[in-house]
Every structure is written in structure tokens, then in C-alpha cells.
Amino acid sequence: MEAKGTKLDKESPQKTKNESDFTIKVGEESIPVHQNVLIAASDYFRAMLSHDTKERREGFVDMKEVKPDAVKLCIKFMYTCATTVTVETVPNLLPAAGIMQLNALSENCLEVLKKNLKAKNCISVLKLARTHSFTDLEVKALELFRTKYNFGEFEDFAKLEKEGLVERISNCSLRNELALEVIINWIKLNVEERSKDILELVKLLDWVTPPSAQLLVNLWSEPIFTDSQECKKFLFCHLTNVDH
């Protein structure tokens, strides 16, 4: 998708033929740029370069926690009012565009995520939506996860480490039966290594309200659960209100 500016179009900054007078450093790369273009295109740089700041005096800014390729796309956007945004570039592009306060570019990233939201990437999109406060997109991604769950389609989910799984289950407000299915499917990818985590993961279910009959059936029909004496003890203690 070709991202195009709005505010920038009014000012129409043009790339000057003069030598650059400022440098953006990111990682091990140094990118020469022009202050007048940055000031016209970005509130972030306008605040930095319109006053007597350290960066203006030294002639460079060292940008951290962003990727060089993403910064280059942002620079292209500031010079041309357009750049190509793809699903692959969005995760790195959003933080850079946010820092530089390129709102039009951030909006284009949002549109790309909305148009490309699918079952196989909805977990990744959900995380991005929460990180960048895209509330409507978060609701759509979560609803897709809840209603269209098919473990075989969730390619990004299969790659999660335990910490990522815990975060997803804790944050997604899944119904117990679905959460258990997610847990069991994740363990089955590597039973030998992951089965030891079954009790910790089962405790992530909603135990405040009484478990449904379906959940109990699912638990007792799952060997990964019933093979764990700790899991069976936990469930027994919970059902009998014994301190555990």
C-alpha cells in the first residue's frame, strides 16, 4: 500500500540539491538529511531543530530502539510524502513513525493492518494494536481469535515461547474451553519439554466462576492433564474449596 501524507502535502517539502546539514544515526548507520525537510514534515524534528538543542548544535540525532530500514522509510515519507507500507514492514515502521510523529504514516500502517487481518496473523496484529492503542483494530483482532480459532491456521501462535503464551492467555480474555484448547495444542507441539508447564498454564484459566461441565469433561479427557498429579490435586482442591 502506498502511504501518502496529508499535512505534508500542504507544505510540499522538496529535496534540496544542497549538501545535507543534519544526520540521523540509527544503529551503525548514519543517514544524511536536510533540516528544512525534517522541520516541515515532522513535529518531532520541528521541536528539536527550531530551538537551541543538543542535537541541533551537534548536527545529529541518535535514534534508539528503532530499525534502520524503518527510519529510511520514514525519511522517504518526509521527502516525498509517500512510501510503500506492507504487512511485513508495519511492525518496525510503527515505532519509528510514532517517535517522529508522522501521524499520516501511522494511519496508513493502521489501514494496512485492517485490510490484511486474518486468522493466521490475528495474534500478531492484536499485540500491535494494543501496543499502539488502535482500539478498534484490537477489538476486531480479538473477536477473530475468539470466533475463528483454528490452531492449524495460527502460524505465529505456534512459534510462541511460554512467556508469550502466558501473555496471550492472560490478555485475551478467552473463554475457559478455548483457553484450554490453546494450552493443550501449544504443549502438543513439544510434549516432552512443555508438559511440565501444564499446571502453571491451567491456573491461568478463570477459576473465579465455577467451571462449566464442558470444561471439566475436557480436562478429564485430556491425558496431558490427567497424567499430572499436581493438576488433578489442584482441580480437586478447587472443586472442594480446600486451601491449595
C-alpha atoms as a PDB file:
ATOM      1  CA  MET A   1       0.000   0.000   0.000  1.00  0.00           C
ATOM      2  CA  GLU A   2       1.329   3.429  -0.944  1.00  0.00           C
ATOM      3  CA  ALA A   3       1.300   5.671   2.107  1.00  0.00           C
ATOM      4  CA  LYS A   4       0.643   9.305   1.307  1.00  0.00           C
ATOM      5  CA  GLY A   5       0.874  12.337   3.523  1.00  0.00           C
ATOM      6  CA  THR A   6      -1.799  14.863   4.299  1.00  0.00           C
ATOM      7  CA  LYS A   7      -0.227  17.657   6.307  1.00  0.00           C
ATOM      8  CA  LEU A   8       2.940  17.299   4.255  1.00  0.00           C
ATOM      9  CA  ASP A   9       1.098  17.924   1.013  1.00  0.00           C
ATOM     10  CA  LYS A  10       0.289  21.468   2.108  1.00  0.00           C
ATOM     11  CA  GLU A  11       3.920  22.328   2.726  1.00  0.00           C
ATOM     12  CA  SER A  12       5.293  20.217  -0.137  1.00  0.00           C
ATOM     13  CA  PRO A  13       8.878  19.965   1.100  1.00  0.00           C
ATOM     14  CA  GLN A  14      11.204  19.371  -1.823  1.00  0.00           C
ATOM     15  CA  LYS A  15      14.536  17.638  -1.641  1.00  0.00           C
ATOM     16  CA  THR A  16      17.178  20.309  -1.969  1.00  0.00           C
ATOM     17  CA  LYS A  17      20.276  19.854  -4.097  1.00  0.00           C
ATOM     18  CA  ASN A  18      22.422  21.419  -1.393  1.00  0.00           C
ATOM     19  CA  GLU A  19      24.575  19.283   0.830  1.00  0.00           C
ATOM     20  CA  SER A  20      22.867  17.821   3.866  1.00  0.00           C
ATOM     21  CA  ASP A  21      23.105  19.739   7.132  1.00  0.00           C
ATOM     22  CA  PHE A  22      21.962  17.095   9.597  1.00  0.00           C
ATOM     23  CA  THR A  23      22.469  13.388  10.260  1.00  0.00           C
ATOM     24  CA  ILE A  24      20.175  10.731  11.641  1.00  0.00           C
ATOM     25  CA  LYS A  25      22.142   7.945  13.283  1.00  0.00           C
ATOM     26  CA  VAL A  26      20.437   4.604  13.826  1.00  0.00           C
ATOM     27  CA  GLY A  27      22.358   1.508  14.776  1.00  0.00           C
ATOM     28  CA  GLU A  28      25.635   1.605  12.864  1.00  0.00           C
ATOM     29  CA  GLU A  29      24.207   3.687  10.036  1.00  0.00           C
ATOM     30  CA  SER A  30      24.401   7.442   9.521  1.00  0.00           C
ATOM     31  CA  ILE A  31      21.827   8.931   7.177  1.00  0.00           C
ATOM     32  CA  PRO A  32      22.411  12.469   5.808  1.00  0.00           C
ATOM     33  CA  VAL A  33      19.296  14.647   5.700  1.00  0.00           C
ATOM     34  CA  HIS A  34      18.185  18.279   5.461  1.00  0.00           C
ATOM     35  CA  GLN A  35      16.845  20.202   8.449  1.00  0.00           C
ATOM     36  CA  ASN A  36      14.321  22.201   6.433  1.00  0.00           C
ATOM     37  CA  VAL A  37      12.675  18.989   5.187  1.00  0.00           C
ATOM     38  CA  LEU A  38      12.554  17.450   8.654  1.00  0.00           C
ATOM     39  CA  ILE A  39      11.117  20.602  10.210  1.00  0.00           C
ATOM     40  CA  ALA A  40       8.407  20.866   7.544  1.00  0.00           C
ATOM     41  CA  ALA A  41       7.421  17.199   7.797  1.00  0.00           C
ATOM     42  CA  SER A  42       7.696  16.259  11.450  1.00  0.00           C
ATOM     43  CA  ASP A  43       6.604  17.859  14.725  1.00  0.00           C
ATOM     44  CA  TYR A  44       9.279  15.771  16.436  1.00  0.00           C
ATOM     45  CA  PHE A  45      12.059  17.317  14.373  1.00  0.00           C
ATOM     46  CA  ARG A  46      10.427  20.747  14.384  1.00  0.00           C
ATOM     47  CA  ALA A  47      10.660  20.829  18.178  1.00  0.00           C
ATOM     48  CA  MET A  48      14.209  19.521  18.066  1.00  0.00           C
ATOM     49  CA  LEU A  49      15.627  21.760  15.344  1.00  0.00           C
ATOM     50  CA  SER A  50      13.756  25.008  15.901  1.00  0.00           C
ATOM     51  CA  HIS A  51      15.431  25.571  19.264  1.00  0.00           C
ATOM     52  CA  ASP A  52      18.906  25.521  20.754  1.00  0.00           C
ATOM     53  CA  THR A  53      19.006  21.796  21.439  1.00  0.00           C
ATOM     54  CA  LYS A  54      21.959  19.463  21.804  1.00  0.00           C
ATOM     55  CA  GLU A  55      21.017  17.728  18.563  1.00  0.00           C
ATOM     56  CA  ARG A  56      20.910  20.989  16.616  1.00  0.00           C
ATOM     57  CA  ARG A  57      24.283  22.083  17.995  1.00  0.00           C
ATOM     58  CA  GLU A  58      25.951  18.742  17.295  1.00  0.00           C
ATOM     59  CA  GLY A  59      24.271  18.262  13.932  1.00  0.00           C
ATOM     60  CA  PHE A  60      22.912  14.781  14.521  1.00  0.00           C
ATOM     61  CA  VAL A  61      20.356  12.741  16.438  1.00  0.00           C
ATOM     62  CA  ASP A  62      20.979   9.207  17.653  1.00  0.00           C
ATOM     63  CA  MET A  63      17.716   7.270  17.354  1.00  0.00           C
ATOM     64  CA  LYS A  64      17.469   4.204  19.560  1.00  0.00           C
ATOM     65  CA  GLU A  65      15.005   1.293  19.714  1.00  0.00           C
ATOM     66  CA  VAL A  66      14.104   1.659  16.048  1.00  0.00           C
ATOM     67  CA  LYS A  67      15.315  -0.221  12.967  1.00  0.00           C
ATOM     68  CA  PRO A  68      17.423   1.411  10.228  1.00  0.00           C
ATOM     69  CA  ASP A  69      15.128   0.206   7.427  1.00  0.00           C
ATOM     70  CA  ALA A  70      12.097   1.677   9.192  1.00  0.00           C
ATOM     71  CA  VAL A  71      13.852   5.013   9.676  1.00  0.00           C
ATOM     72  CA  LYS A  72      14.745   5.081   5.980  1.00  0.00           C
ATOM     73  CA  LEU A  73      11.091   4.540   5.052  1.00  0.00           C
ATOM     74  CA  CYS A  74      10.128   7.412   7.352  1.00  0.00           C
ATOM     75  CA  ILE A  75      12.738   9.641   5.759  1.00  0.00           C
ATOM     76  CA  LYS A  76      11.434   8.749   2.307  1.00  0.00           C
ATOM     77  CA  PHE A  77       7.947   9.659   3.503  1.00  0.00           C
ATOM     78  CA  MET A  78       9.149  13.041   4.780  1.00  0.00           C
ATOM     79  CA  TYR A  79      10.868  13.833   1.483  1.00  0.00           C
ATOM     80  CA  THR A  80       8.262  12.538  -0.951  1.00  0.00           C
ATOM     81  CA  CYS A  81       5.022  12.436   1.076  1.00  0.00           C
ATOM     82  CA  ALA A  82       4.711   8.784   0.081  1.00  0.00           C
ATOM     83  CA  THR A  83       6.214   5.384   0.841  1.00  0.00           C
ATOM     84  CA  THR A  84       5.177   1.762   0.439  1.00  0.00           C
ATOM     85  CA  VAL A  85       3.739   0.131   3.561  1.00  0.00           C
ATOM     86  CA  THR A  86       3.357  -3.643   3.785  1.00  0.00           C
ATOM     87  CA  VAL A  87       2.286  -6.070   6.497  1.00  0.00           C
ATOM     88  CA  GLU A  88       5.930  -7.080   6.828  1.00  0.00           C
ATOM     89  CA  THR A  89       7.226  -3.532   7.352  1.00  0.00           C
ATOM     90  CA  VAL A  90       4.475  -2.330   9.714  1.00  0.00           C
ATOM     91  CA  PRO A  91       5.859  -3.817  12.999  1.00  0.00           C
ATOM     92  CA  ASN A  92       9.132  -1.884  12.668  1.00  0.00           C
ATOM     93  CA  LEU A  93       7.642   1.116  10.897  1.00  0.00           C
ATOM     94  CA  LEU A  94       5.038   1.966  13.539  1.00  0.00           C
ATOM     95  CA  PRO A  95       7.522   2.684  16.380  1.00  0.00           C
ATOM     96  CA  ALA A  96       9.665   4.871  14.102  1.00  0.00           C
ATOM     97  CA  ALA A  97       6.673   6.776  12.725  1.00  0.00           C
ATOM     98  CA  GLY A  98       5.378   7.239  16.264  1.00  0.00           C
ATOM     99  CA  ILE A  99       8.642   8.713  17.524  1.00  0.00           C
ATOM    100  CA  MET A 100       8.873  11.086  14.556  1.00  0.00           C
ATOM    101  CA  GLN A 101       5.174  11.965  14.966  1.00  0.00           C
ATOM    102  CA  LEU A 102       4.349  11.098  11.382  1.00  0.00           C
ATOM    103  CA  ASN A 103       0.645  10.655  12.015  1.00  0.00           C
ATOM    104  CA  ALA A 104      -0.312  10.160   8.382  1.00  0.00           C
ATOM    105  CA  LEU A 105       2.189   7.324   8.075  1.00  0.00           C
ATOM    106  CA  SER A 106       0.919   5.715  11.285  1.00  0.00           C
ATOM    107  CA  GLU A 107      -2.635   5.902   9.912  1.00  0.00           C
ATOM    108  CA  ASN A 108      -1.523   4.168   6.743  1.00  0.00           C
ATOM    109  CA  CYS A 109       0.070   1.405   8.823  1.00  0.00           C
ATOM    110  CA  LEU A 110      -3.238   1.006  10.630  1.00  0.00           C
ATOM    111  CA  GLU A 111      -5.131   0.702   7.336  1.00  0.00           C
ATOM    112  CA  VAL A 112      -2.710  -1.957   6.109  1.00  0.00           C
ATOM    113  CA  LEU A 113      -3.253  -3.990   9.288  1.00  0.00           C
ATOM    114  CA  LYS A 114      -7.040  -3.685   8.986  1.00  0.00           C
ATOM    115  CA  LYS A 115      -7.074  -4.800   5.355  1.00  0.00           C
ATOM    116  CA  ASN A 116      -4.762  -7.747   5.993  1.00  0.00           C
ATOM    117  CA  LEU A 117      -6.213  -9.024   9.278  1.00  0.00           C
ATOM    118  CA  LYS A 118      -6.581 -12.809   9.012  1.00  0.00           C
ATOM    119  CA  ALA A 119      -6.793 -15.816  11.291  1.00  0.00           C
ATOM    120  CA  LYS A 120      -3.156 -16.700  10.739  1.00  0.00           C
ATOM    121  CA  ASN A 121      -1.832 -13.280  11.827  1.00  0.00           C
ATOM    122  CA  CYS A 122      -4.502 -12.004  14.238  1.00  0.00           C
ATOM    123  CA  ILE A 123      -2.371 -12.660  17.334  1.00  0.00           C
ATOM    124  CA  SER A 124       0.477 -10.542  15.981  1.00  0.00           C
ATOM    125  CA  VAL A 125      -1.965  -7.837  14.901  1.00  0.00           C
ATOM    126  CA  LEU A 126      -3.620  -7.918  18.325  1.00  0.00           C
ATOM    127  CA  LYS A 127      -0.278  -7.262  20.003  1.00  0.00           C
ATOM    128  CA  LEU A 128       0.482  -4.352  17.661  1.00  0.00           C
ATOM    129  CA  ALA A 129      -2.990  -2.903  18.170  1.00  0.00           C
ATOM    130  CA  ARG A 130      -2.573  -2.936  21.943  1.00  0.00           C
ATOM    131  CA  THR A 131       0.956  -1.534  21.812  1.00  0.00           C
ATOM    132  CA  HIS A 132      -0.090   1.400  19.643  1.00  0.00           C
ATOM    133  CA  SER A 133      -3.596   1.935  21.097  1.00  0.00           C
ATOM    134  CA  PHE A 134      -5.525   1.017  17.955  1.00  0.00           C
ATOM    135  CA  THR A 135      -8.673   0.212  19.915  1.00  0.00           C
ATOM    136  CA  ASP A 136     -10.979  -0.677  17.015  1.00  0.00           C
ATOM    137  CA  LEU A 137      -8.377  -2.955  15.457  1.00  0.00           C
ATOM    138  CA  GLU A 138      -7.764  -4.621  18.823  1.00  0.00           C
ATOM    139  CA  VAL A 139     -11.470  -5.431  19.134  1.00  0.00           C
ATOM    140  CA  LYS A 140     -11.586  -6.909  15.620  1.00  0.00           C
ATOM    141  CA  ALA A 141      -8.439  -8.994  16.105  1.00  0.00           C
ATOM    142  CA  LEU A 142      -9.633 -10.342  19.442  1.00  0.00           C
ATOM    143  CA  GLU A 143     -13.053 -11.194  18.041  1.00  0.00           C
ATOM    144  CA  LEU A 144     -11.438 -13.051  15.144  1.00  0.00           C
ATOM    145  CA  PHE A 145      -9.312 -15.025  17.588  1.00  0.00           C
ATOM    146  CA  ARG A 146     -12.300 -15.910  19.746  1.00  0.00           C
ATOM    147  CA  THR A 147     -14.646 -16.922  16.941  1.00  0.00           C
ATOM    148  CA  LYS A 148     -12.419 -18.300  14.188  1.00  0.00           C
ATOM    149  CA  TYR A 149      -9.810 -20.149  16.207  1.00  0.00           C
ATOM    150  CA  ASN A 150      -8.180 -22.961  14.291  1.00  0.00           C
ATOM    151  CA  PHE A 151      -4.812 -23.953  15.674  1.00  0.00           C
ATOM    152  CA  GLY A 152      -3.541 -25.076  12.298  1.00  0.00           C
ATOM    153  CA  GLU A 153      -4.104 -21.584  10.879  1.00  0.00           C
ATOM    154  CA  PHE A 154      -2.385 -19.625  13.635  1.00  0.00           C
ATOM    155  CA  GLU A 155       1.152 -19.718  12.277  1.00  0.00           C
ATOM    156  CA  ASP A 156       2.501 -17.013  14.595  1.00  0.00           C
ATOM    157  CA  PHE A 157       0.923 -18.674  17.643  1.00  0.00           C
ATOM    158  CA  ALA A 158       2.843 -21.918  17.089  1.00  0.00           C
ATOM    159  CA  LYS A 159       6.141 -20.056  17.482  1.00  0.00           C
ATOM    160  CA  LEU A 160       5.356 -18.609  20.913  1.00  0.00           C
ATOM    161  CA  GLU A 161       7.588 -19.318  23.884  1.00  0.00           C
ATOM    162  CA  LYS A 162       5.879 -19.958  27.224  1.00  0.00           C
ATOM    163  CA  GLU A 163       6.088 -16.312  28.300  1.00  0.00           C
ATOM    164  CA  GLY A 164       4.339 -15.250  25.105  1.00  0.00           C
ATOM    165  CA  LEU A 165       1.641 -17.873  25.588  1.00  0.00           C
ATOM    166  CA  VAL A 166       1.017 -16.726  29.164  1.00  0.00           C
ATOM    167  CA  GLU A 167       0.708 -13.135  27.949  1.00  0.00           C
ATOM    168  CA  ARG A 168      -1.783 -14.062  25.232  1.00  0.00           C
ATOM    169  CA  ILE A 169      -3.993 -16.117  27.532  1.00  0.00           C
ATOM    170  CA  SER A 170      -3.848 -13.515  30.310  1.00  0.00           C
ATOM    171  CA  ASN A 171      -4.652 -10.604  27.996  1.00  0.00           C
ATOM    172  CA  CYS A 172      -7.116 -12.091  25.500  1.00  0.00           C
ATOM    173  CA  SER A 173      -9.985 -12.834  27.920  1.00  0.00           C
ATOM    174  CA  LEU A 174     -10.658 -16.177  26.271  1.00  0.00           C
ATOM    175  CA  ARG A 175     -13.442 -18.399  27.484  1.00  0.00           C
ATOM    176  CA  ASN A 176     -12.088 -21.306  29.530  1.00  0.00           C
ATOM    177  CA  GLU A 177     -12.789 -24.001  26.961  1.00  0.00           C
ATOM    178  CA  LEU A 178     -10.926 -22.102  24.231  1.00  0.00           C
ATOM    179  CA  ALA A 179      -8.052 -21.190  26.535  1.00  0.00           C
ATOM    180  CA  LEU A 180      -7.613 -24.856  27.476  1.00  0.00           C
ATOM    181  CA  GLU A 181      -7.603 -25.833  23.802  1.00  0.00           C
ATOM    182  CA  VAL A 182      -4.916 -23.234  23.149  1.00  0.00           C
ATOM    183  CA  ILE A 183      -2.824 -24.545  26.057  1.00  0.00           C
ATOM    184  CA  ILE A 184      -3.085 -28.198  25.060  1.00  0.00           C
ATOM    185  CA  ASN A 185      -2.322 -27.523  21.405  1.00  0.00           C
ATOM    186  CA  TRP A 186       0.729 -25.467  22.371  1.00  0.00           C
ATOM    187  CA  ILE A 187       2.017 -28.253  24.655  1.00  0.00           C
ATOM    188  CA  LYS A 188       1.492 -30.866  21.943  1.00  0.00           C
ATOM    189  CA  LEU A 189       3.993 -29.077  19.735  1.00  0.00           C
ATOM    190  CA  ASN A 190       6.695 -30.265  22.141  1.00  0.00           C
ATOM    191  CA  VAL A 191       5.157 -32.525  24.788  1.00  0.00           C
ATOM    192  CA  GLU A 192       8.453 -33.625  26.294  1.00  0.00           C
ATOM    193  CA  GLU A 193       9.578 -30.079  27.079  1.00  0.00           C
ATOM    194  CA  ARG A 194       6.248 -28.314  27.615  1.00  0.00           C
ATOM    195  CA  SER A 195       4.141 -30.790  29.585  1.00  0.00           C
ATOM    196  CA  LYS A 196       5.904 -29.713  32.782  1.00  0.00           C
ATOM    197  CA  ASP A 197       4.206 -26.312  32.422  1.00  0.00           C
ATOM    198  CA  ILE A 198       0.658 -27.703  32.388  1.00  0.00           C
ATOM    199  CA  LEU A 199      -0.228 -26.732  35.971  1.00  0.00           C
ATOM    200  CA  GLU A 200       1.081 -23.182  35.605  1.00  0.00           C
ATOM    201  CA  LEU A 201      -0.927 -22.760  32.400  1.00  0.00           C
ATOM    202  CA  VAL A 202      -4.121 -24.339  33.741  1.00  0.00           C
ATOM    203  CA  LYS A 203      -4.039 -21.865  36.623  1.00  0.00           C
ATOM    204  CA  LEU A 204      -4.420 -19.106  34.018  1.00  0.00           C
ATOM    205  CA  LEU A 205      -7.999 -20.196  33.388  1.00  0.00           C
ATOM    206  CA  ASP A 206     -10.832 -18.301  35.038  1.00  0.00           C
ATOM    207  CA  TRP A 207     -11.312 -20.101  38.345  1.00  0.00           C
ATOM    208  CA  VAL A 208     -13.284 -17.281  39.966  1.00  0.00           C
ATOM    209  CA  THR A 209     -16.520 -18.578  38.476  1.00  0.00           C
ATOM    210  CA  PRO A 210     -17.455 -22.274  38.739  1.00  0.00           C
ATOM    211  CA  PRO A 211     -16.022 -24.316  35.842  1.00  0.00           C
ATOM    212  CA  SER A 212     -18.528 -25.410  33.226  1.00  0.00           C
ATOM    213  CA  ALA A 213     -19.430 -29.051  32.752  1.00  0.00           C
ATOM    214  CA  GLN A 214     -17.795 -28.897  29.319  1.00  0.00           C
ATOM    215  CA  LEU A 215     -14.533 -27.652  30.797  1.00  0.00           C
ATOM    216  CA  LEU A 216     -14.496 -30.487  33.344  1.00  0.00           C
ATOM    217  CA  VAL A 217     -15.131 -33.025  30.595  1.00  0.00           C
ATOM    218  CA  ASN A 218     -12.331 -31.541  28.528  1.00  0.00           C
ATOM    219  CA  LEU A 219      -9.925 -31.606  31.452  1.00  0.00           C
ATOM    220  CA  TRP A 220     -10.621 -35.213  32.410  1.00  0.00           C
ATOM    221  CA  SER A 221     -10.468 -36.433  28.822  1.00  0.00           C
ATOM    222  CA  GLU A 222      -7.064 -34.877  28.224  1.00  0.00           C
ATOM    223  CA  PRO A 223      -4.108 -37.191  29.112  1.00  0.00           C
ATOM    224  CA  ILE A 224      -1.699 -34.257  29.393  1.00  0.00           C
ATOM    225  CA  PHE A 225      -3.867 -33.001  32.262  1.00  0.00           C
ATOM    226  CA  THR A 226      -4.744 -36.310  33.904  1.00  0.00           C
ATOM    227  CA  ASP A 227      -1.133 -37.527  33.787  1.00  0.00           C
ATOM    228  CA  SER A 228      -0.243 -34.659  36.132  1.00  0.00           C
ATOM    229  CA  GLN A 229      -0.907 -35.456  39.768  1.00  0.00           C
ATOM    230  CA  GLU A 230      -0.462 -31.768  40.600  1.00  0.00           C
ATOM    231  CA  CYS A 231      -3.158 -30.786  38.116  1.00  0.00           C
ATOM    232  CA  LYS A 232      -5.619 -33.323  39.477  1.00  0.00           C
ATOM    233  CA  LYS A 233      -4.889 -32.180  43.031  1.00  0.00           C
ATOM    234  CA  PHE A 234      -5.388 -28.543  42.032  1.00  0.00           C
ATOM    235  CA  LEU A 235      -8.755 -29.290  40.441  1.00  0.00           C
ATOM    236  CA  PHE A 236      -9.918 -31.423  43.365  1.00  0.00           C
ATOM    237  CA  CYS A 237      -8.942 -28.740  45.873  1.00  0.00           C
ATOM    238  CA  HIS A 238     -10.695 -26.071  43.839  1.00  0.00           C
ATOM    239  CA  LEU A 239     -13.897 -28.061  43.452  1.00  0.00           C
ATOM    240  CA  THR A 240     -13.993 -28.924  47.157  1.00  0.00           C
ATOM    241  CA  ASN A 241     -12.896 -25.429  48.268  1.00  0.00           C
ATOM    242  CA  VAL A 242      -9.856 -26.860  50.024  1.00  0.00           C
ATOM    243  CA  ASP A 243      -6.958 -24.484  50.528  1.00  0.00           C
ATOM    244  CA  HIS A 244      -4.384 -25.224  47.813  1.00  0.00           C
END
